[in-house]
Amino acid sequence: MSLKKTIFKASLFFFALSSLLCAEVSKEVKVESAYGIGEGYSRVEAVNNAIIEALSQLKGVSIAKEQIVARSVVEDEKGVQMQEGYSARLHALTKGRVDSYVIEDVSEFDGKYKASVKITNTTVKKSYVAPGMSHDSRRKMAIYPFYGAKGSFDIFNEDKSIAEVSHKFSHALMTQMTQSRRFAMLDREYDAAIGNEKRLVASRNAHPDEALKLGNALGADYVLVGTISEFSVVPSKERIEVIGEERYKLFITAVIDYRVILMATGQVKWSNSVRYQNAFEDNPAESPEFVLSHVMNDVSRHLSFEIINTIYPLRVAEKMGNEVVINQGGAGILVGEVFEVMKEGKAIQDTYTKESLGSVEHKVGEVQVVRVDAKMAYAQIVQGDAPKNAVLRKLSMNDLSQSQSRGEAVSNVVVDGGGGIKLR
């Protein structure tokens, strides 16, 4: 018996896109073809041996020789009826793994038959691809509820439990961090809701492709944790005799310690203690819950800006005449804020550790934010220049807001080619 085999493998990728709200399914179609040549003293025996040879080339397909013979086959010169009989039997014997069968040639020579056949095996592998920007291009971060240094805090002259304050603060911080679009933020608060959705997807009520979403949960690269040492919102009123009116003010104090931890090793990558103080006029018509939400957003905005600016300082993405585009938008930037424009110079290394301390920065101008979109902000140059890719450092920080380092080294950041970062 002579043997001639050729195996063709082709991978075709099809992406079924319906909308961002629907599952995106990637299909990998693998087509594997095998050729077999067989000899025998009859047409059936030759074809039978050729099929055995071809099947031996297909991974995962194996059947006994005596099973293959198509007993109901009626031979003819062209072998058409023989081919139909074999196709049906092979499909059943291989449990569908062989989906195409062709007798390419049967010839007779010196009292023997020689047959060549082609068998094709097609497999389809599906996988779920999350819509939107790939998580591989951004580091993944999870925020866990902050601890409390004491059981309750003074909010509008009422004791609010640490659980309530922590929940509101973590929610506000998650919003700020997500809108910065610098990290792929992972939810760790609504596990029950996600669990219910997974049970629905795994049930018979869901389309089979929906089950591809299971088993894709992401683990965090970095975990953000912290302790709320102080958080108070104290209302006060004062009478202005000149105009005969009473004005209401709110005095806010927050002391928050936080850490950014590398999940894989437990190493603390960055740690800071933020002391936030502010005072602004209160509107008695607004509910305490509304005001507290505003306060939480203000405090979380300050903290998230510090975290993100340490890792991803704002930069000038584009310059258009006297206007520049800032590479971040969302709730983290406010109209009216002023930023110093810093041009980077020589990179500096620590004398002892040889680690990078960053680059020397020289102020070359100032810009003021005039418009904020979801992903970008626009600012006018109010002083000097603002070249493309220059670093922006906030100038108009609240004078009462302070941030004090805990004494640990400033985080050094490496930005990789995909846009992700490494804290070291």
Protein backbone atom coordinates (compact mmCIF):
# COMPACT_ATOMS: atom_id res chain seq x y z
CA MET A 1 0.00 0.00 0.00
CA SER A 2 1.33 3.43 -0.89
CA LEU A 3 0.66 6.56 1.15
CA LYS A 4 0.28 10.16 0.15
CA LYS A 5 -0.98 12.68 2.66
CA THR A 6 -1.49 16.40 2.72
CA ILE A 7 -3.04 18.23 5.65
CA PHE A 8 -4.44 21.68 5.21
CA LYS A 9 -5.22 23.85 8.21
CA ALA A 10 -6.87 27.21 7.89
CA SER A 11 -8.08 29.50 10.67
CA LEU A 12 -10.80 31.94 9.74
CA PHE A 13 -11.97 34.55 12.25
CA PHE A 14 -15.46 35.97 12.11
CA PHE A 15 -16.64 38.68 14.49
CA ALA A 16 -20.38 38.90 15.01
CA LEU A 17 -21.08 42.46 16.11
CA SER A 18 -24.62 43.45 16.93
CA SER A 19 -24.18 46.41 19.28
CA LEU A 20 -22.16 47.44 22.31
CA LEU A 21 -24.99 46.20 24.52
CA CYS A 22 -24.97 42.68 23.02
CA ALA A 23 -22.45 39.90 23.25
CA GLU A 24 -19.56 40.04 20.85
CA VAL A 25 -18.67 36.51 19.80
CA SER A 26 -15.46 35.54 18.08
CA LYS A 27 -15.68 32.41 15.92
CA GLU A 28 -12.58 30.45 14.99
CA VAL A 29 -13.36 28.02 12.18
CA LYS A 30 -10.70 25.37 11.70
CA VAL A 31 -10.82 23.31 8.51
CA GLU A 32 -8.58 20.24 8.42
CA SER A 33 -8.38 18.08 5.31
CA ALA A 34 -6.61 14.75 4.91
CA TYR A 35 -5.91 12.64 1.85
CA GLY A 36 -5.62 8.87 1.84
CA ILE A 37 -4.65 6.32 -0.81
CA GLY A 38 -5.62 2.65 -0.51
CA GLU A 39 -5.43 -0.54 -2.54
CA GLY A 40 -7.61 -3.69 -2.61
CA TYR A 41 -8.92 -6.54 -4.68
CA SER A 42 -12.29 -4.81 -4.93
CA ARG A 43 -13.47 -1.25 -5.29
CA VAL A 44 -14.96 -1.32 -1.77
CA GLU A 45 -11.75 -2.67 -0.19
CA ALA A 46 -9.60 -0.03 -1.92
CA VAL A 47 -11.88 2.80 -0.82
CA ASN A 48 -12.07 1.31 2.66
CA ASN A 49 -8.27 1.27 3.02
CA ALA A 50 -7.98 4.81 1.65
CA ILE A 51 -10.49 6.05 4.23
CA ILE A 52 -8.58 4.33 7.06
CA GLU A 53 -5.40 6.07 5.90
CA ALA A 54 -7.05 9.49 5.69
CA LEU A 55 -8.73 9.15 9.09
CA SER A 56 -5.42 8.33 10.74
CA GLN A 57 -4.24 11.82 9.80
CA LEU A 58 -7.09 13.62 11.56
CA LYS A 59 -6.49 14.39 15.21
CA GLY A 60 -9.06 12.87 17.52
CA VAL A 61 -10.69 10.67 14.86
CA SER A 62 -10.18 6.93 15.03
CA ILE A 63 -12.47 4.02 14.12
CA ALA A 64 -11.98 0.31 13.57
CA LYS A 65 -11.30 -0.93 10.05
CA GLU A 66 -14.19 -3.35 10.00
CA GLN A 67 -16.67 -0.60 10.91
CA ILE A 68 -16.17 1.45 7.79
CA VAL A 69 -17.50 -0.82 5.07
CA ALA A 70 -20.74 0.58 3.73
CA ARG A 71 -22.70 -2.65 3.44
CA SER A 72 -25.59 -1.06 1.58
CA VAL A 73 -23.39 0.41 -1.12
CA VAL A 74 -24.10 -0.59 -4.68
CA GLU A 75 -21.04 -0.19 -6.85
CA ASP A 76 -21.18 1.63 -10.13
CA GLU A 77 -18.56 2.90 -12.53
CA LYS A 78 -18.53 6.45 -11.17
CA GLY A 79 -18.79 5.44 -7.51
CA VAL A 80 -21.57 7.97 -6.83
CA GLN A 81 -23.77 5.63 -4.78
CA MET A 82 -20.69 4.36 -2.96
CA GLN A 83 -19.73 7.92 -1.98
CA GLU A 84 -23.20 8.69 -0.64
CA GLY A 85 -23.26 5.52 1.43
CA TYR A 86 -19.82 6.16 2.94
CA SER A 87 -20.55 9.82 3.74
CA ALA A 88 -23.58 8.97 5.85
CA ARG A 89 -21.81 6.12 7.65
CA LEU A 90 -18.63 8.09 8.36
CA HIS A 91 -20.59 11.02 9.75
CA ALA A 92 -22.33 8.66 12.19
CA LEU A 93 -19.23 6.66 13.17
CA THR A 94 -17.11 9.75 13.85
CA LYS A 95 -19.93 11.44 15.79
CA GLY A 96 -20.03 14.33 13.35
CA ARG A 97 -16.30 15.04 13.40
CA VAL A 98 -16.04 14.21 9.72
CA ASP A 99 -18.34 16.45 7.76
CA SER A 100 -17.16 16.04 4.18
CA TYR A 101 -16.04 13.00 2.24
CA VAL A 102 -15.07 12.73 -1.42
CA ILE A 103 -13.86 9.76 -3.49
CA GLU A 104 -11.48 11.52 -5.81
CA ASP A 105 -10.49 8.56 -7.96
CA VAL A 106 -10.84 4.78 -8.21
CA SER A 107 -8.79 2.96 -10.86
CA GLU A 108 -8.17 -0.69 -11.74
CA PHE A 109 -4.73 -2.02 -12.66
CA ASP A 110 -3.50 -5.58 -13.02
CA GLY A 111 -6.49 -7.08 -11.16
CA LYS A 112 -6.31 -4.64 -8.22
CA TYR A 113 -8.07 -1.39 -7.39
CA LYS A 114 -6.47 1.83 -6.21
CA ALA A 115 -8.55 4.58 -4.60
CA SER A 116 -7.82 8.10 -3.39
CA VAL A 117 -10.16 9.93 -1.02
CA LYS A 118 -10.38 13.30 0.69
CA ILE A 119 -11.89 13.73 4.14
CA THR A 120 -12.58 17.13 5.69
CA ASN A 121 -13.06 17.86 9.37
CA THR A 122 -14.46 21.31 10.32
CA THR A 123 -14.51 22.55 13.92
CA VAL A 124 -15.91 25.83 15.21
CA LYS A 125 -14.59 27.38 18.41
CA LYS A 126 -16.42 30.34 19.92
CA SER A 127 -15.17 32.81 22.52
CA TYR A 128 -16.55 35.97 24.09
CA VAL A 129 -14.82 39.28 23.43
CA ALA A 130 -15.78 42.12 25.75
CA PRO A 131 -17.02 45.18 23.85
CA GLY A 132 -15.14 48.45 24.03
CA MET A 133 -11.50 49.06 24.78
CA SER A 134 -9.53 45.93 25.62
CA HIS A 135 -8.63 45.56 29.30
CA ASP A 136 -5.15 44.51 28.17
CA SER A 137 -4.30 48.15 27.35
CA ARG A 138 -5.00 49.38 30.88
CA ARG A 139 -4.01 48.17 34.32
CA LYS A 140 -6.89 46.70 36.30
CA MET A 141 -7.79 48.17 39.69
CA ALA A 142 -10.36 47.25 42.33
CA ILE A 143 -11.57 49.54 45.12
CA TYR A 144 -12.60 47.92 48.39
CA PRO A 145 -14.73 49.67 51.06
CA PHE A 146 -12.60 51.93 53.24
CA TYR A 147 -12.26 51.15 56.93
CA GLY A 148 -13.15 53.64 59.63
CA ALA A 149 -10.92 54.78 62.47
CA LYS A 150 -14.04 55.15 64.59
CA GLY A 151 -17.59 53.86 64.57
CA SER A 152 -19.40 57.00 63.39
CA PHE A 153 -18.86 60.50 62.03
CA ASP A 154 -20.55 63.84 62.56
CA ILE A 155 -22.61 64.55 59.43
CA PHE A 156 -25.04 67.51 59.77
CA ASN A 157 -24.95 67.12 63.56
CA GLU A 158 -25.99 63.48 63.31
CA ASP A 159 -23.90 60.36 63.85
CA LYS A 160 -23.50 58.47 60.59
CA SER A 161 -22.10 54.94 60.73
CA ILE A 162 -18.77 54.17 59.12
CA ALA A 163 -20.56 51.66 56.87
CA GLU A 164 -22.78 54.39 55.39
CA VAL A 165 -19.96 56.90 55.00
CA SER A 166 -17.61 54.29 53.50
CA HIS A 167 -20.25 53.12 51.03
CA LYS A 168 -20.94 56.63 49.74
CA PHE A 169 -17.28 57.51 49.57
CA SER A 170 -16.24 54.30 47.77
CA HIS A 171 -19.05 54.82 45.26
CA ALA A 172 -17.98 58.41 44.59
CA LEU A 173 -14.32 57.38 44.30
CA MET A 174 -15.20 54.60 41.86
CA THR A 175 -17.05 57.13 39.69
CA GLN A 176 -14.09 59.51 39.64
CA MET A 177 -11.55 56.80 38.88
CA THR A 178 -13.70 55.27 36.14
CA GLN A 179 -14.28 58.61 34.40
CA SER A 180 -10.55 59.23 34.29
CA ARG A 181 -10.29 56.26 31.88
CA ARG A 182 -6.78 55.53 33.13
CA PHE A 183 -7.55 52.19 34.80
CA ALA A 184 -9.87 49.31 34.00
CA MET A 185 -11.95 49.53 37.18
CA LEU A 186 -13.36 46.28 38.58
CA ASP A 187 -16.52 46.08 40.68
CA ARG A 188 -16.25 44.44 44.09
CA GLU A 189 -19.43 45.89 45.60
CA TYR A 190 -22.26 44.36 43.61
CA ASP A 191 -21.16 40.70 43.53
CA ALA A 192 -24.73 39.52 44.29
CA ALA A 193 -26.16 41.31 41.26
CA ILE A 194 -23.42 39.95 39.01
CA GLY A 195 -24.03 36.46 40.43
CA ASN A 196 -27.73 36.69 39.54
CA GLU A 197 -26.87 37.71 35.98
CA LYS A 198 -24.45 34.78 35.64
CA ARG A 199 -27.14 32.34 36.77
CA LEU A 200 -29.49 33.75 34.14
CA VAL A 201 -26.85 33.44 31.42
CA ALA A 202 -26.21 29.82 32.43
CA SER A 203 -29.92 28.95 32.36
CA ARG A 204 -31.94 27.54 29.47
CA ASN A 205 -33.62 30.91 28.96
CA ALA A 206 -30.47 32.48 27.54
CA HIS A 207 -29.05 32.07 24.05
CA PRO A 208 -26.24 29.46 24.03
CA ASP A 209 -23.70 32.12 22.97
CA GLU A 210 -24.42 34.06 26.19
CA ALA A 211 -22.75 31.28 28.19
CA LEU A 212 -19.45 32.31 26.60
CA LYS A 213 -19.43 35.28 28.99
CA LEU A 214 -18.89 32.92 31.93
CA GLY A 215 -15.35 32.25 33.08
CA ASN A 216 -14.05 35.65 31.98
CA ALA A 217 -13.90 37.44 35.35
CA LEU A 218 -10.81 39.63 35.70
CA GLY A 219 -8.47 39.81 38.65
CA ALA A 220 -7.07 43.17 39.72
CA ASP A 221 -3.48 44.23 39.14
CA TYR A 222 -3.80 46.83 41.89
CA VAL A 223 -6.11 47.07 44.89
CA LEU A 224 -7.01 50.44 46.40
CA VAL A 225 -7.78 50.31 50.12
CA GLY A 226 -7.83 52.88 52.87
CA THR A 227 -9.01 54.18 56.22
CA ILE A 228 -11.24 57.16 56.88
CA SER A 229 -9.80 58.72 60.03
CA GLU A 230 -12.06 61.79 60.03
CA PHE A 231 -15.06 62.87 58.03
CA SER A 232 -17.33 65.66 59.22
CA VAL A 233 -19.83 68.01 57.63
CA VAL A 234 -20.74 70.72 60.12
CA PRO A 235 -23.36 73.35 59.22
CA SER A 236 -23.13 76.84 60.68
CA LYS A 237 -24.93 80.12 60.20
CA GLU A 238 -23.95 83.72 60.73
CA ARG A 239 -25.96 86.92 60.65
CA ILE A 240 -24.71 89.82 58.54
CA GLU A 241 -26.05 92.91 60.32
CA VAL A 242 -25.37 95.30 57.42
CA ILE A 243 -27.86 93.54 55.15
CA GLY A 244 -29.90 91.90 57.90
CA GLU A 245 -29.56 88.41 56.43
CA GLU A 246 -28.40 85.06 57.69
CA ARG A 247 -25.96 83.00 55.67
CA TYR A 248 -25.41 79.28 56.02
CA LYS A 249 -22.04 77.63 55.62
CA LEU A 250 -20.79 74.08 55.63
CA PHE A 251 -17.39 73.18 57.02
CA ILE A 252 -15.98 69.92 55.70
CA THR A 253 -13.04 68.03 57.14
CA ALA A 254 -11.76 64.71 55.85
CA VAL A 255 -8.62 62.78 56.74
CA ILE A 256 -8.11 59.72 54.57
CA ASP A 257 -5.22 57.27 54.43
CA TYR A 258 -4.98 55.11 51.33
CA ARG A 259 -2.74 52.49 49.81
CA VAL A 260 -2.27 51.10 46.32
CA ILE A 261 -1.29 47.44 46.69
CA LEU A 262 0.10 45.11 44.04
CA MET A 263 -2.33 42.20 44.25
CA ALA A 264 0.08 39.48 43.12
CA THR A 265 2.64 40.12 45.88
CA GLY A 266 0.85 42.27 48.48
CA GLN A 267 3.54 44.92 48.10
CA VAL A 268 2.49 48.49 48.92
CA LYS A 269 3.27 50.48 45.80
CA TRP A 270 2.02 53.88 46.90
CA SER A 271 0.73 55.23 50.19
CA ASN A 272 -0.49 58.66 51.18
CA SER A 273 -2.45 60.52 53.80
CA VAL A 274 -4.82 63.18 52.49
CA ARG A 275 -6.21 65.96 54.69
CA TYR A 276 -9.06 67.79 53.03
CA GLN A 277 -10.67 70.92 54.44
CA ASN A 278 -13.19 73.15 52.73
CA ALA A 279 -15.98 75.59 53.47
CA PHE A 280 -18.73 76.81 51.18
CA GLU A 281 -22.13 78.44 51.39
CA ASP A 282 -25.02 76.11 52.06
CA ASN A 283 -28.48 76.27 50.56
CA PRO A 284 -31.05 75.28 53.21
CA ALA A 285 -33.44 74.27 50.45
CA GLU A 286 -31.16 71.43 49.46
CA SER A 287 -31.57 68.13 51.32
CA PRO A 288 -28.74 66.86 53.54
CA GLU A 289 -28.42 63.79 51.30
CA PHE A 290 -27.94 65.97 48.23
CA VAL A 291 -25.32 68.08 49.97
CA LEU A 292 -23.52 65.00 51.34
CA SER A 293 -23.37 63.55 47.84
CA HIS A 294 -21.83 66.80 46.59
CA VAL A 295 -19.28 66.74 49.44
CA MET A 296 -18.38 63.10 48.74
CA ASN A 297 -17.81 63.90 45.07
CA ASP A 298 -15.58 66.84 45.98
CA VAL A 299 -13.46 64.80 48.42
CA SER A 300 -13.21 61.77 46.13
CA ARG A 301 -12.33 64.02 43.21
CA HIS A 302 -9.43 65.46 45.19
CA LEU A 303 -8.16 62.02 46.22
CA SER A 304 -8.61 60.38 42.80
CA PHE A 305 -6.83 63.29 41.11
CA GLU A 306 -3.86 62.80 43.42
CA ILE A 307 -3.70 59.05 42.74
CA ILE A 308 -4.07 59.39 38.99
CA ASN A 309 -1.83 62.44 38.66
CA THR A 310 0.95 60.57 40.46
CA ILE A 311 0.73 57.77 37.90
CA TYR A 312 -0.66 59.53 34.84
CA PRO A 313 0.05 63.27 34.96
CA LEU A 314 -2.15 65.35 32.68
CA ARG A 315 -0.57 66.27 29.38
CA VAL A 316 -1.21 68.53 26.44
CA ALA A 317 -2.58 66.19 23.77
CA GLU A 318 -2.89 68.82 21.03
CA LYS A 319 -2.30 72.52 20.51
CA MET A 320 -4.59 74.59 18.29
CA GLY A 321 -3.56 78.23 18.23
CA ASN A 322 -4.22 79.66 21.69
CA GLU A 323 -6.20 76.60 22.78
CA VAL A 324 -4.96 73.20 23.94
CA VAL A 325 -6.58 69.80 24.34
CA ILE A 326 -5.96 67.98 27.64
CA ASN A 327 -5.77 64.18 27.52
CA GLN A 328 -8.41 63.65 30.21
CA GLY A 329 -11.98 64.73 30.77
CA GLY A 330 -14.90 63.68 32.95
CA ALA A 331 -15.65 64.76 36.49
CA GLY A 332 -12.00 64.95 37.48
CA ILE A 333 -11.47 68.31 35.75
CA LEU A 334 -13.54 71.46 36.31
CA VAL A 335 -14.07 74.51 34.16
CA GLY A 336 -12.01 77.41 35.52
CA GLU A 337 -9.16 75.34 36.93
CA VAL A 338 -5.68 76.63 36.14
CA PHE A 339 -2.71 74.37 35.36
CA GLU A 340 0.98 75.10 35.15
CA VAL A 341 2.55 73.89 31.90
CA MET A 342 5.77 72.01 32.63
CA LYS A 343 8.32 71.04 29.98
CA GLU A 344 10.29 67.92 30.88
CA GLY A 345 14.06 67.95 30.86
CA LYS A 346 16.81 65.59 31.96
CA ALA A 347 15.85 62.31 33.66
CA ILE A 348 17.21 61.99 37.22
CA GLN A 349 18.23 58.82 39.07
CA ASP A 350 18.37 58.26 42.81
CA THR A 351 21.97 58.27 44.01
CA TYR A 352 21.54 55.19 46.21
CA THR A 353 18.88 52.98 44.59
CA LYS A 354 19.55 54.02 40.97
CA GLU A 355 15.79 54.19 40.46
CA SER A 356 14.27 56.87 38.30
CA LEU A 357 13.10 59.97 40.15
CA GLY A 358 11.43 61.32 37.04
CA SER A 359 12.44 64.21 34.83
CA VAL A 360 13.34 67.77 35.74
CA GLU A 361 10.38 70.06 34.97
CA HIS A 362 10.55 73.68 33.84
CA LYS A 363 7.49 75.89 33.89
CA VAL A 364 6.80 77.40 30.46
CA GLY A 365 3.24 78.64 30.84
CA GLU A 366 -0.25 78.38 32.32
CA VAL A 367 -3.59 77.24 30.91
CA GLN A 368 -7.18 77.60 32.17
CA VAL A 369 -9.89 75.04 31.49
CA VAL A 370 -12.81 76.39 29.43
CA ARG A 371 -14.68 73.21 28.48
CA VAL A 372 -14.79 69.60 29.66
CA ASP A 373 -16.02 66.60 27.67
CA ALA A 374 -16.27 62.96 28.68
CA LYS A 375 -12.78 62.07 27.41
CA MET A 376 -11.02 65.42 26.85
CA ALA A 377 -10.84 68.93 28.23
CA TYR A 378 -10.11 72.22 26.47
CA ALA A 379 -8.06 75.07 27.93
CA GLN A 380 -6.91 78.54 26.91
CA ILE A 381 -3.27 79.56 27.20
CA VAL A 382 -3.24 82.43 29.69
CA GLN A 383 0.51 82.75 30.05
CA GLY A 384 3.61 81.62 28.16
CA ASP A 385 3.40 78.56 25.96
CA ALA A 386 1.87 75.04 26.07
CA PRO A 387 3.74 72.69 23.72
CA LYS A 388 2.30 69.30 22.81
CA ASN A 389 2.99 66.51 25.33
CA ALA A 390 3.91 68.98 28.09
CA VAL A 391 2.93 67.96 31.65
CA LEU A 392 0.17 69.89 33.40
CA ARG A 393 0.30 70.49 37.17
CA LYS A 394 -2.74 71.89 38.93
CA LEU A 395 -2.24 75.44 40.18
CA SER A 396 -5.65 76.45 41.46
CA MET A 397 -5.87 73.80 44.17
CA ASN A 398 -8.12 74.65 47.08
CA ASP A 399 -5.89 76.55 49.51
CA LEU A 400 -7.34 74.62 52.43
CA SER A 401 -6.79 71.21 50.84
CA GLN A 402 -3.55 69.55 51.83
CA SER A 403 -1.86 66.27 50.98
CA GLN A 404 0.97 64.97 53.12
CA SER A 405 3.14 62.01 52.24
CA ARG A 406 3.42 59.22 54.75
CA GLY A 407 7.14 59.15 54.25
CA GLU A 408 7.32 56.47 51.58
CA ALA A 409 9.18 56.97 48.35
CA VAL A 410 7.31 58.55 45.48
CA SER A 411 6.06 55.92 43.06
CA ASN A 412 8.12 55.50 39.91
CA VAL A 413 6.01 54.75 36.87
CA VAL A 414 6.90 52.89 33.70
CA VAL A 415 4.49 53.35 30.79
CA ASP A 416 4.54 50.38 28.42
CA GLY A 417 3.87 50.40 24.71
CA GLY A 418 0.21 49.41 25.11
CA GLY A 419 -0.62 52.34 27.33
CA GLY A 420 -0.52 50.41 30.58
CA ILE A 421 1.64 51.27 33.55
CA LYS A 422 3.87 49.54 36.03
CA LEU A 423 4.33 50.82 39.56
CA ARG A 424 7.67 49.91 41.03
